[in-house]
Amino acid sequence: MNSARVDRHTDRQIFNLITVIDVLYYFPVSKIRKILDDVCDLLTNDGILVLRHWAPGGGYLTHLEWLELVKDKFNIIKAELLDTQHSLLVCQKKFTDIICS
């Protein structure tokens, strides 16, 4: 089942929900920001992003650092540091379209 829609302005597929699980921590922060920008562009205006990543600190980002990375583009609906030291973030794309009458 394909839940993607096509954006009438760009002819790109857009999604209501995107999950990114245990992959972003392999990238440097600059690349993570770019990936989050790209994910944001692929979501509908009220689209949801679910992130779960290893967040013990040390050589990895902490839970608070993940929150900081995400908050520019997304409203955080739920944030939890799991017992496994994973950061779980459920986010909604910040509204970006301007409606002109």
Foldseek 3Di string as FASTA:
>chain_A
DDQWDADPVPRDTAHQEDEDEADPQVDDLVVSLVVLVVNLVRYDQFHKYKYKYQAPDDSTHHQVRVCVSNVVFWDWPDWDQDPNNIIITITTGHHDDDDDD
